[in-house]
Amino acid sequence: DEEVPEGCGYLHHIHLLPEAIGRGIGALLFRHACAVLSAWGFTEAVLWVYGPNTRARGFYEAMGWRHDGTEAPHAFPSAAGPVIVPSLRYRGATARG
């Protein structure tokens, strides 16, 4: 249900096992996804990341993407009731110049 601006591609998720983090696998997957989106004709794309996930946010920022100012609440169920976490929309180019 994530909002995607018209004309933008959409990258759903990149998840790695903890032991795979920091080995270049995420960057390889991200660049491949961007190349595919570019081949499909998208010059820009978006993805959503949980606001508190500073590691993921730092990764996407290192890849040249930025939070575009759009936020939406995401509810995680818990025994005490839903926990609301902000989701931030990141946007960037699908090809590096």
PDB file of N, CA and C in Angstrom:
ATOM      1  N   ASP A   1       0.799  -1.203   0.000  1.00  0.00           N
ATOM      2  CA  ASP A   1       0.000   0.000   0.000  1.00  0.00           C
ATOM      3  C   ASP A   1       0.845   1.272   0.000  1.00  0.00           C
ATOM      4  N   GLU A   2       2.145   1.129  -0.178  1.00  0.00           N
ATOM      5  CA  GLU A   2       3.017   2.294  -0.150  1.00  0.00           C
ATOM      6  C   GLU A   2       2.730   3.213  -1.331  1.00  0.00           C
ATOM      7  N   GLU A   3       2.782   4.498  -1.079  1.00  0.00           N
ATOM      8  CA  GLU A   3       2.533   5.498  -2.107  1.00  0.00           C
ATOM      9  C   GLU A   3       3.777   5.655  -2.986  1.00  0.00           C
ATOM     10  N   VAL A   4       3.565   5.563  -4.295  1.00  0.00           N
ATOM     11  CA  VAL A   4       4.649   5.700  -5.269  1.00  0.00           C
ATOM     12  C   VAL A   4       4.271   6.837  -6.224  1.00  0.00           C
ATOM     13  N   PRO A   5       5.122   7.875  -6.319  1.00  0.00           N
ATOM     14  CA  PRO A   5       4.811   8.972  -7.238  1.00  0.00           C
ATOM     15  C   PRO A   5       4.731   8.481  -8.680  1.00  0.00           C
ATOM     16  N   GLU A   6       3.870   9.119  -9.456  1.00  0.00           N
ATOM     17  CA  GLU A   6       3.718   8.757 -10.864  1.00  0.00           C
ATOM     18  C   GLU A   6       5.059   8.877 -11.584  1.00  0.00           C
ATOM     19  N   GLY A   7       5.361   7.890 -12.391  1.00  0.00           N
ATOM     20  CA  GLY A   7       6.593   7.892 -13.166  1.00  0.00           C
ATOM     21  C   GLY A   7       7.808   7.337 -12.443  1.00  0.00           C
ATOM     22  N   CYS A   8       7.627   6.953 -11.189  1.00  0.00           N
ATOM     23  CA  CYS A   8       8.747   6.394 -10.414  1.00  0.00           C
ATOM     24  C   CYS A   8       8.632   4.876 -10.326  1.00  0.00           C
ATOM     25  N   GLY A   9       9.772   4.230 -10.345  1.00  0.00           N
ATOM     26  CA  GLY A   9       9.816   2.811 -10.055  1.00  0.00           C
ATOM     27  C   GLY A   9       9.705   2.607  -8.550  1.00  0.00           C
ATOM     28  N   TYR A  10       9.593   1.362  -8.134  1.00  0.00           N
ATOM     29  CA  TYR A  10       9.416   1.052  -6.717  1.00  0.00           C
ATOM     30  C   TYR A  10      10.294  -0.125  -6.340  1.00  0.00           C
ATOM     31  N   LEU A  11      11.117   0.075  -5.353  1.00  0.00           N
ATOM     32  CA  LEU A  11      11.947  -0.993  -4.796  1.00  0.00           C
ATOM     33  C   LEU A  11      11.299  -1.416  -3.490  1.00  0.00           C
ATOM     34  N   HIS A  12      10.824  -2.645  -3.434  1.00  0.00           N
ATOM     35  CA  HIS A  12      10.034  -3.089  -2.290  1.00  0.00           C
ATOM     36  C   HIS A  12      10.874  -3.213  -1.031  1.00  0.00           C
ATOM     37  N   HIS A  13      11.803  -4.112  -0.985  1.00  0.00           N
ATOM     38  CA  HIS A  13      12.651  -4.294   0.197  1.00  0.00           C
ATOM     39  C   HIS A  13      13.956  -4.977  -0.184  1.00  0.00           C
ATOM     40  N   ILE A  14      14.983  -4.680   0.594  1.00  0.00           N
ATOM     41  CA  ILE A  14      16.214  -5.461   0.574  1.00  0.00           C
ATOM     42  C   ILE A  14      16.455  -5.876   2.021  1.00  0.00           C
ATOM     43  N   HIS A  15      16.444  -7.159   2.278  1.00  0.00           N
ATOM     44  CA  HIS A  15      16.718  -7.673   3.621  1.00  0.00           C
ATOM     45  C   HIS A  15      17.885  -8.639   3.536  1.00  0.00           C
ATOM     46  N   LEU A  16      18.803  -8.506   4.461  1.00  0.00           N
ATOM     47  CA  LEU A  16      19.948  -9.410   4.532  1.00  0.00           C
ATOM     48  C   LEU A  16      19.995 -10.082   5.894  1.00  0.00           C
ATOM     49  N   LEU A  17      20.525 -11.282   5.917  1.00  0.00           N
ATOM     50  CA  LEU A  17      20.810 -11.918   7.198  1.00  0.00           C
ATOM     51  C   LEU A  17      21.873 -11.089   7.913  1.00  0.00           C
ATOM     52  N   PRO A  18      21.821 -11.023   9.237  1.00  0.00           N
ATOM     53  CA  PRO A  18      22.806 -10.213   9.967  1.00  0.00           C
ATOM     54  C   PRO A  18      24.255 -10.540   9.605  1.00  0.00           C
ATOM     55  N   GLU A  19      24.553 -11.802   9.380  1.00  0.00           N
ATOM     56  CA  GLU A  19      25.933 -12.180   9.066  1.00  0.00           C
ATOM     57  C   GLU A  19      26.355 -11.751   7.652  1.00  0.00           C
ATOM     58  N   ALA A  20      25.404 -11.344   6.824  1.00  0.00           N
ATOM     59  CA  ALA A  20      25.720 -10.895   5.463  1.00  0.00           C
ATOM     60  C   ALA A  20      25.936  -9.381   5.380  1.00  0.00           C
ATOM     61  N   ILE A  21      25.552  -8.659   6.433  1.00  0.00           N
ATOM     62  CA  ILE A  21      25.668  -7.199   6.431  1.00  0.00           C
ATOM     63  C   ILE A  21      27.141  -6.796   6.446  1.00  0.00           C
ATOM     64  N   GLY A  22      27.456  -5.797   5.636  1.00  0.00           N
ATOM     65  CA  GLY A  22      28.821  -5.275   5.587  1.00  0.00           C
ATOM     66  C   GLY A  22      29.747  -6.004   4.633  1.00  0.00           C
ATOM     67  N   ARG A  23      29.213  -6.883   3.821  1.00  0.00           N
ATOM     68  CA  ARG A  23      30.031  -7.663   2.878  1.00  0.00           C
ATOM     69  C   ARG A  23      29.837  -7.237   1.425  1.00  0.00           C
ATOM     70  N   GLY A  24      29.062  -6.171   1.204  1.00  0.00           N
ATOM     71  CA  GLY A  24      28.854  -5.676  -0.152  1.00  0.00           C
ATOM     72  C   GLY A  24      27.667  -6.290  -0.870  1.00  0.00           C
ATOM     73  N   ILE A  25      26.993  -7.229  -0.237  1.00  0.00           N
ATOM     74  CA  ILE A  25      25.864  -7.918  -0.874  1.00  0.00           C
ATOM     75  C   ILE A  25      24.688  -6.965  -1.066  1.00  0.00           C
ATOM     76  N   GLY A  26      24.391  -6.155  -0.057  1.00  0.00           N
ATOM     77  CA  GLY A  26      23.286  -5.200  -0.156  1.00  0.00           C
ATOM     78  C   GLY A  26      23.505  -4.199  -1.280  1.00  0.00           C
ATOM     79  N   ALA A  27      24.739  -3.697  -1.379  1.00  0.00           N
ATOM     80  CA  ALA A  27      25.051  -2.736  -2.446  1.00  0.00           C
ATOM     81  C   ALA A  27      24.900  -3.390  -3.819  1.00  0.00           C
ATOM     82  N   LEU A  28      25.338  -4.626  -3.940  1.00  0.00           N
ATOM     83  CA  LEU A  28      25.209  -5.356  -5.203  1.00  0.00           C
ATOM     84  C   LEU A  28      23.737  -5.533  -5.574  1.00  0.00           C
ATOM     85  N   LEU A  29      22.920  -5.954  -4.616  1.00  0.00           N
ATOM     86  CA  LEU A  29      21.489  -6.129  -4.865  1.00  0.00           C
ATOM     87  C   LEU A  29      20.817  -4.799  -5.210  1.00  0.00           C
ATOM     88  N   PHE A  30      21.175  -3.753  -4.466  1.00  0.00           N
ATOM     89  CA  PHE A  30      20.579  -2.445  -4.704  1.00  0.00           C
ATOM     90  C   PHE A  30      20.925  -1.938  -6.101  1.00  0.00           C
ATOM     91  N   ARG A  31      22.189  -2.023  -6.470  1.00  0.00           N
ATOM     92  CA  ARG A  31      22.600  -1.556  -7.800  1.00  0.00           C
ATOM     93  C   ARG A  31      21.940  -2.371  -8.911  1.00  0.00           C
ATOM     94  N   HIS A  32      21.801  -3.670  -8.701  1.00  0.00           N
ATOM     95  CA  HIS A  32      21.136  -4.509  -9.703  1.00  0.00           C
ATOM     96  C   HIS A  32      19.660  -4.108  -9.845  1.00  0.00           C
ATOM     97  N   ALA A  33      18.987  -3.902  -8.714  1.00  0.00           N
ATOM     98  CA  ALA A  33      17.582  -3.490  -8.765  1.00  0.00           C
ATOM     99  C   ALA A  33      17.438  -2.156  -9.491  1.00  0.00           C
ATOM    100  N   CYS A  34      18.335  -1.213  -9.223  1.00  0.00           N
ATOM    101  CA  CYS A  34      18.296   0.086  -9.892  1.00  0.00           C
ATOM    102  C   CYS A  34      18.541  -0.074 -11.393  1.00  0.00           C
ATOM    103  N   ALA A  35      19.460  -0.959 -11.762  1.00  0.00           N
ATOM    104  CA  ALA A  35      19.740  -1.189 -13.185  1.00  0.00           C
ATOM    105  C   ALA A  35      18.515  -1.771 -13.894  1.00  0.00           C
ATOM    106  N   VAL A  36      17.819  -2.681 -13.233  1.00  0.00           N
ATOM    107  CA  VAL A  36      16.610  -3.258 -13.828  1.00  0.00           C
ATOM    108  C   VAL A  36      15.537  -2.186 -13.980  1.00  0.00           C
ATOM    109  N   LEU A  37      15.334  -1.381 -12.930  1.00  0.00           N
ATOM    110  CA  LEU A  37      14.346  -0.302 -13.016  1.00  0.00           C
ATOM    111  C   LEU A  37      14.704   0.680 -14.127  1.00  0.00           C
ATOM    112  N   SER A  38      15.984   0.978 -14.271  1.00  0.00           N
ATOM    113  CA  SER A  38      16.448   1.863 -15.337  1.00  0.00           C
ATOM    114  C   SER A  38      16.168   1.253 -16.709  1.00  0.00           C
ATOM    115  N   ALA A  39      16.426  -0.048 -16.853  1.00  0.00           N
ATOM    116  CA  ALA A  39      16.168  -0.741 -18.120  1.00  0.00           C
ATOM    117  C   ALA A  39      14.670  -0.736 -18.455  1.00  0.00           C
ATOM    118  N   TRP A  40      13.838  -0.680 -17.448  1.00  0.00           N
ATOM    119  CA  TRP A  40      12.390  -0.611 -17.649  1.00  0.00           C
ATOM    120  C   TRP A  40      11.925   0.809 -17.951  1.00  0.00           C
ATOM    121  N   GLY A  41      12.853   1.771 -17.971  1.00  0.00           N
ATOM    122  CA  GLY A  41      12.517   3.131 -18.332  1.00  0.00           C
ATOM    123  C   GLY A  41      12.340   4.100 -17.181  1.00  0.00           C
ATOM    124  N   PHE A  42      12.555   3.648 -15.962  1.00  0.00           N
ATOM    125  CA  PHE A  42      12.424   4.546 -14.812  1.00  0.00           C
ATOM    126  C   PHE A  42      13.745   5.253 -14.558  1.00  0.00           C
ATOM    127  N   THR A  43      13.704   6.580 -14.479  1.00  0.00           N
ATOM    128  CA  THR A  43      14.908   7.343 -14.153  1.00  0.00           C
ATOM    129  C   THR A  43      15.014   7.586 -12.652  1.00  0.00           C
ATOM    130  N   GLU A  44      13.877   7.475 -11.963  1.00  0.00           N
ATOM    131  CA  GLU A  44      13.835   7.614 -10.510  1.00  0.00           C
ATOM    132  C   GLU A  44      13.017   6.480  -9.925  1.00  0.00           C
ATOM    133  N   ALA A  45      13.279   6.215  -8.646  1.00  0.00           N
ATOM    134  CA  ALA A  45      12.508   5.194  -7.946  1.00  0.00           C
ATOM    135  C   ALA A  45      12.399   5.591  -6.484  1.00  0.00           C
ATOM    136  N   VAL A  46      11.508   4.929  -5.792  1.00  0.00           N
ATOM    137  CA  VAL A  46      11.320   5.157  -4.365  1.00  0.00           C
ATOM    138  C   VAL A  46      11.329   3.835  -3.620  1.00  0.00           C
ATOM    139  N   LEU A  47      11.538   3.946  -2.331  1.00  0.00           N
ATOM    140  CA  LEU A  47      11.410   2.824  -1.407  1.00  0.00           C
ATOM    141  C   LEU A  47      11.002   3.404  -0.063  1.00  0.00           C
ATOM    142  N   TRP A  48      10.499   2.558   0.799  1.00  0.00           N
ATOM    143  CA  TRP A  48      10.105   2.973   2.141  1.00  0.00           C
ATOM    144  C   TRP A  48      11.002   2.278   3.142  1.00  0.00           C
ATOM    145  N   VAL A  49      11.388   3.022   4.175  1.00  0.00           N
ATOM    146  CA  VAL A  49      12.245   2.477   5.230  1.00  0.00           C
ATOM    147  C   VAL A  49      11.709   2.971   6.569  1.00  0.00           C
ATOM    148  N   TYR A  50      11.793   2.126   7.596  1.00  0.00           N
ATOM    149  CA  TYR A  50      11.333   2.524   8.916  1.00  0.00           C
ATOM    150  C   TYR A  50      12.260   3.601   9.474  1.00  0.00           C
ATOM    151  N   GLY A  51      11.689   4.681   9.977  1.00  0.00           N
ATOM    152  CA  GLY A  51      12.453   5.806  10.492  1.00  0.00           C
ATOM    153  C   GLY A  51      13.534   5.426  11.497  1.00  0.00           C
ATOM    154  N   PRO A  52      13.243   4.550  12.463  1.00  0.00           N
ATOM    155  CA  PRO A  52      14.267   4.197  13.446  1.00  0.00           C
ATOM    156  C   PRO A  52      15.406   3.321  12.890  1.00  0.00           C
ATOM    157  N   ASN A  53      15.267   2.838  11.680  1.00  0.00           N
ATOM    158  CA  ASN A  53      16.279   1.947  11.100  1.00  0.00           C
ATOM    159  C   ASN A  53      17.431   2.788  10.525  1.00  0.00           C
ATOM    160  N   THR A  54      18.261   3.299  11.415  1.00  0.00           N
ATOM    161  CA  THR A  54      19.337   4.200  11.000  1.00  0.00           C
ATOM    162  C   THR A  54      20.367   3.500  10.127  1.00  0.00           C
ATOM    163  N   ARG A  55      20.573   2.218  10.324  1.00  0.00           N
ATOM    164  CA  ARG A  55      21.529   1.499   9.474  1.00  0.00           C
ATOM    165  C   ARG A  55      21.053   1.480   8.023  1.00  0.00           C
ATOM    166  N   ALA A  56      19.791   1.126   7.813  1.00  0.00           N
ATOM    167  CA  ALA A  56      19.246   1.097   6.447  1.00  0.00           C
ATOM    168  C   ALA A  56      19.220   2.498   5.850  1.00  0.00           C
ATOM    169  N   ARG A  57      18.825   3.474   6.646  1.00  0.00           N
ATOM    170  CA  ARG A  57      18.782   4.846   6.134  1.00  0.00           C
ATOM    171  C   ARG A  57      20.178   5.305   5.710  1.00  0.00           C
ATOM    172  N   GLY A  58      21.183   4.983   6.513  1.00  0.00           N
ATOM    173  CA  GLY A  58      22.556   5.334   6.154  1.00  0.00           C
ATOM    174  C   GLY A  58      23.003   4.643   4.876  1.00  0.00           C
ATOM    175  N   PHE A  59      22.591   3.387   4.710  1.00  0.00           N
ATOM    176  CA  PHE A  59      22.932   2.635   3.499  1.00  0.00           C
ATOM    177  C   PHE A  59      22.345   3.326   2.272  1.00  0.00           C
ATOM    178  N   TYR A  60      21.036   3.626   2.303  1.00  0.00           N
ATOM    179  CA  TYR A  60      20.396   4.248   1.142  1.00  0.00           C
ATOM    180  C   TYR A  60      20.969   5.636   0.873  1.00  0.00           C
ATOM    181  N   GLU A  61      21.307   6.366   1.913  1.00  0.00           N
ATOM    182  CA  GLU A  61      21.923   7.674   1.723  1.00  0.00           C
ATOM    183  C   GLU A  61      23.312   7.540   1.109  1.00  0.00           C
ATOM    184  N   ALA A  62      24.053   6.511   1.508  1.00  0.00           N
ATOM    185  CA  ALA A  62      25.362   6.254   0.895  1.00  0.00           C
ATOM    186  C   ALA A  62      25.218   5.886  -0.580  1.00  0.00           C
ATOM    187  N   MET A  63      24.066   5.340  -0.957  1.00  0.00           N
ATOM    188  CA  MET A  63      23.784   5.004  -2.346  1.00  0.00           C
ATOM    189  C   MET A  63      23.274   6.217  -3.127  1.00  0.00           C
ATOM    190  N   GLY A  64      23.164   7.370  -2.454  1.00  0.00           N
ATOM    191  CA  GLY A  64      22.770   8.601  -3.128  1.00  0.00           C
ATOM    192  C   GLY A  64      21.287   8.931  -3.039  1.00  0.00           C
ATOM    193  N   TRP A  65      20.511   8.122  -2.320  1.00  0.00           N
ATOM    194  CA  TRP A  65      19.078   8.379  -2.191  1.00  0.00           C
ATOM    195  C   TRP A  65      18.836   9.230  -0.955  1.00  0.00           C
ATOM    196  N   ARG A  66      17.707   9.952  -0.943  1.00  0.00           N
ATOM    197  CA  ARG A  66      17.377  10.839   0.163  1.00  0.00           C
ATOM    198  C   ARG A  66      15.905  10.706   0.541  1.00  0.00           C
ATOM    199  N   HIS A  67      15.616  10.966   1.809  1.00  0.00           N
ATOM    200  CA  HIS A  67      14.234  11.031   2.284  1.00  0.00           C
ATOM    201  C   HIS A  67      13.580  12.212   1.577  1.00  0.00           C
ATOM    202  N   ASP A  68      12.459  11.980   0.924  1.00  0.00           N
ATOM    203  CA  ASP A  68      11.823  13.048   0.139  1.00  0.00           C
ATOM    204  C   ASP A  68      10.794  13.853   0.936  1.00  0.00           C
ATOM    205  N   GLY A  69      10.745  13.622   2.245  1.00  0.00           N
ATOM    206  CA  GLY A  69       9.829  14.363   3.112  1.00  0.00           C
ATOM    207  C   GLY A  69       8.511  13.671   3.371  1.00  0.00           C
ATOM    208  N   THR A  70       8.240  12.589   2.657  1.00  0.00           N
ATOM    209  CA  THR A  70       6.977  11.861   2.828  1.00  0.00           C
ATOM    210  C   THR A  70       7.123  10.836   3.941  1.00  0.00           C
ATOM    211  N   GLU A  71       6.166  10.843   4.864  1.00  0.00           N
ATOM    212  CA  GLU A  71       6.142   9.890   5.971  1.00  0.00           C
ATOM    213  C   GLU A  71       4.756   9.288   6.090  1.00  0.00           C
ATOM    214  N   ALA A  72       4.705   8.066   6.591  1.00  0.00           N
ATOM    215  CA  ALA A  72       3.438   7.396   6.851  1.00  0.00           C
ATOM    216  C   ALA A  72       3.617   6.504   8.075  1.00  0.00           C
ATOM    217  N   PRO A  73       2.609   6.414   8.922  1.00  0.00           N
ATOM    218  CA  PRO A  73       2.721   5.548  10.092  1.00  0.00           C
ATOM    219  C   PRO A  73       2.611   4.078   9.708  1.00  0.00           C
ATOM    220  N   HIS A  74       3.368   3.252  10.384  1.00  0.00           N
ATOM    221  CA  HIS A  74       3.272   1.798  10.202  1.00  0.00           C
ATOM    222  C   HIS A  74       3.020   1.190  11.575  1.00  0.00           C
ATOM    223  N   ALA A  75       1.981   0.383  11.687  1.00  0.00           N
ATOM    224  CA  ALA A  75       1.620  -0.221  12.972  1.00  0.00           C
ATOM    225  C   ALA A  75       2.156  -1.640  13.059  1.00  0.00           C
ATOM    226  N   PHE A  76       2.919  -1.895  14.111  1.00  0.00           N
ATOM    227  CA  PHE A  76       3.380  -3.250  14.413  1.00  0.00           C
ATOM    228  C   PHE A  76       2.543  -3.765  15.574  1.00  0.00           C
ATOM    229  N   PRO A  77       1.970  -4.964  15.452  1.00  0.00           N
ATOM    230  CA  PRO A  77       1.179  -5.491  16.562  1.00  0.00           C
ATOM    231  C   PRO A  77       2.079  -5.867  17.742  1.00  0.00           C
ATOM    232  N   SER A  78       1.566  -5.679  18.939  1.00  0.00           N
ATOM    233  CA  SER A  78       2.263  -6.133  20.138  1.00  0.00           C
ATOM    234  C   SER A  78       1.218  -6.516  21.177  1.00  0.00           C
ATOM    235  N   ALA A  79       1.644  -7.214  22.222  1.00  0.00           N
ATOM    236  CA  ALA A  79       0.714  -7.641  23.267  1.00  0.00           C
ATOM    237  C   ALA A  79       0.064  -6.443  23.952  1.00  0.00           C
ATOM    238  N   ALA A  80       0.757  -5.318  24.025  1.00  0.00           N
ATOM    239  CA  ALA A  80       0.236  -4.119  24.679  1.00  0.00           C
ATOM    240  C   ALA A  80      -0.559  -3.233  23.720  1.00  0.00           C
ATOM    241  N   GLY A  81      -0.701  -3.668  22.488  1.00  0.00           N
ATOM    242  CA  GLY A  81      -1.390  -2.859  21.482  1.00  0.00           C
ATOM    243  C   GLY A  81      -0.417  -2.454  20.400  1.00  0.00           C
ATOM    244  N   PRO A  82      -0.910  -1.871  19.332  1.00  0.00           N
ATOM    245  CA  PRO A  82      -0.031  -1.539  18.210  1.00  0.00           C
ATOM    246  C   PRO A  82       1.053  -0.532  18.593  1.00  0.00           C
ATOM    247  N   VAL A  83       2.227  -0.751  18.037  1.00  0.00           N
ATOM    248  CA  VAL A  83       3.337   0.191  18.164  1.00  0.00           C
ATOM    249  C   VAL A  83       3.451   0.887  16.822  1.00  0.00           C
ATOM    250  N   ILE A  84       3.350   2.197  16.833  1.00  0.00           N
ATOM    251  CA  ILE A  84       3.373   2.975  15.605  1.00  0.00           C
ATOM    252  C   ILE A  84       4.802   3.471  15.349  1.00  0.00           C
ATOM    253  N   VAL A  85       5.296   3.164  14.154  1.00  0.00           N
ATOM    254  CA  VAL A  85       6.639   3.569  13.750  1.00  0.00           C
ATOM    255  C   VAL A  85       6.501   4.336  12.441  1.00  0.00           C
ATOM    256  N   PRO A  86       7.216   5.459  12.296  1.00  0.00           N
ATOM    257  CA  PRO A  86       7.125   6.180  11.029  1.00  0.00           C
ATOM    258  C   PRO A  86       7.881   5.458   9.915  1.00  0.00           C
ATOM    259  N   SER A  87       7.275   5.394   8.759  1.00  0.00           N
ATOM    260  CA  SER A  87       7.947   4.926   7.550  1.00  0.00           C
ATOM    261  C   SER A  87       8.294   6.163   6.737  1.00  0.00           C
ATOM    262  N   LEU A  88       9.502   6.201   6.223  1.00  0.00           N
ATOM    263  CA  LEU A  88       9.983   7.334   5.450  1.00  0.00           C
ATOM    264  C   LEU A  88      10.177   6.919   4.000  1.00  0.00           C
ATOM    265  N   ARG A  89       9.737   7.756   3.089  1.00  0.00           N
ATOM    266  CA  ARG A  89       9.936   7.436   1.671  1.00  0.00           C
ATOM    267  C   ARG A  89      11.254   8.038   1.211  1.00  0.00           C
ATOM    268  N   TYR A  90      12.102   7.176   0.635  1.00  0.00           N
ATOM    269  CA  TYR A  90      13.372   7.592   0.058  1.00  0.00           C
ATOM    270  C   TYR A  90      13.234   7.573  -1.449  1.00  0.00           C
ATOM    271  N   ARG A  91      13.929   8.485  -2.107  1.00  0.00           N
ATOM    272  CA  ARG A  91      13.826   8.622  -3.560  1.00  0.00           C
ATOM    273  C   ARG A  91      15.221   8.871  -4.133  1.00  0.00           C
ATOM    274  N   GLY A  92      15.465   8.271  -5.298  1.00  0.00           N
ATOM    275  CA  GLY A  92      16.752   8.488  -5.928  1.00  0.00           C
ATOM    276  C   GLY A  92      16.763   8.071  -7.381  1.00  0.00           C
ATOM    277  N   ALA A  93      17.879   8.343  -8.004  1.00  0.00           N
ATOM    278  CA  ALA A  93      18.078   7.987  -9.409  1.00  0.00           C
ATOM    279  C   ALA A  93      18.300   6.491  -9.541  1.00  0.00           C
ATOM    280  N   THR A  94      17.852   5.936 -10.665  1.00  0.00           N
ATOM    281  CA  THR A  94      18.056   4.510 -10.892  1.00  0.00           C
ATOM    282  C   THR A  94      19.410   4.214 -11.537  1.00  0.00           C
ATOM    283  N   ALA A  95      20.054   5.248 -12.051  1.00  0.00           N
ATOM    284  CA  ALA A  95      21.370   5.062 -12.664  1.00  0.00           C
ATOM    285  C   ALA A  95      22.298   6.153 -12.134  1.00  0.00           C
ATOM    286  N   ARG A  96      23.521   5.769 -11.892  1.00  0.00           N
ATOM    287  CA  ARG A  96      24.511   6.746 -11.424  1.00  0.00           C
ATOM    288  C   ARG A  96      25.182   7.407 -12.604  1.00  0.00           C
ATOM    289  N   GLY A  97      25.322   8.730 -12.500  1.00  0.00           N
ATOM    290  CA  GLY A  97      25.930   9.479 -13.585  1.00  0.00           C
ATOM    291  C   GLY A  97      27.424   9.567 -13.512  1.00  0.00           C
TER     292      GLY A  97
END
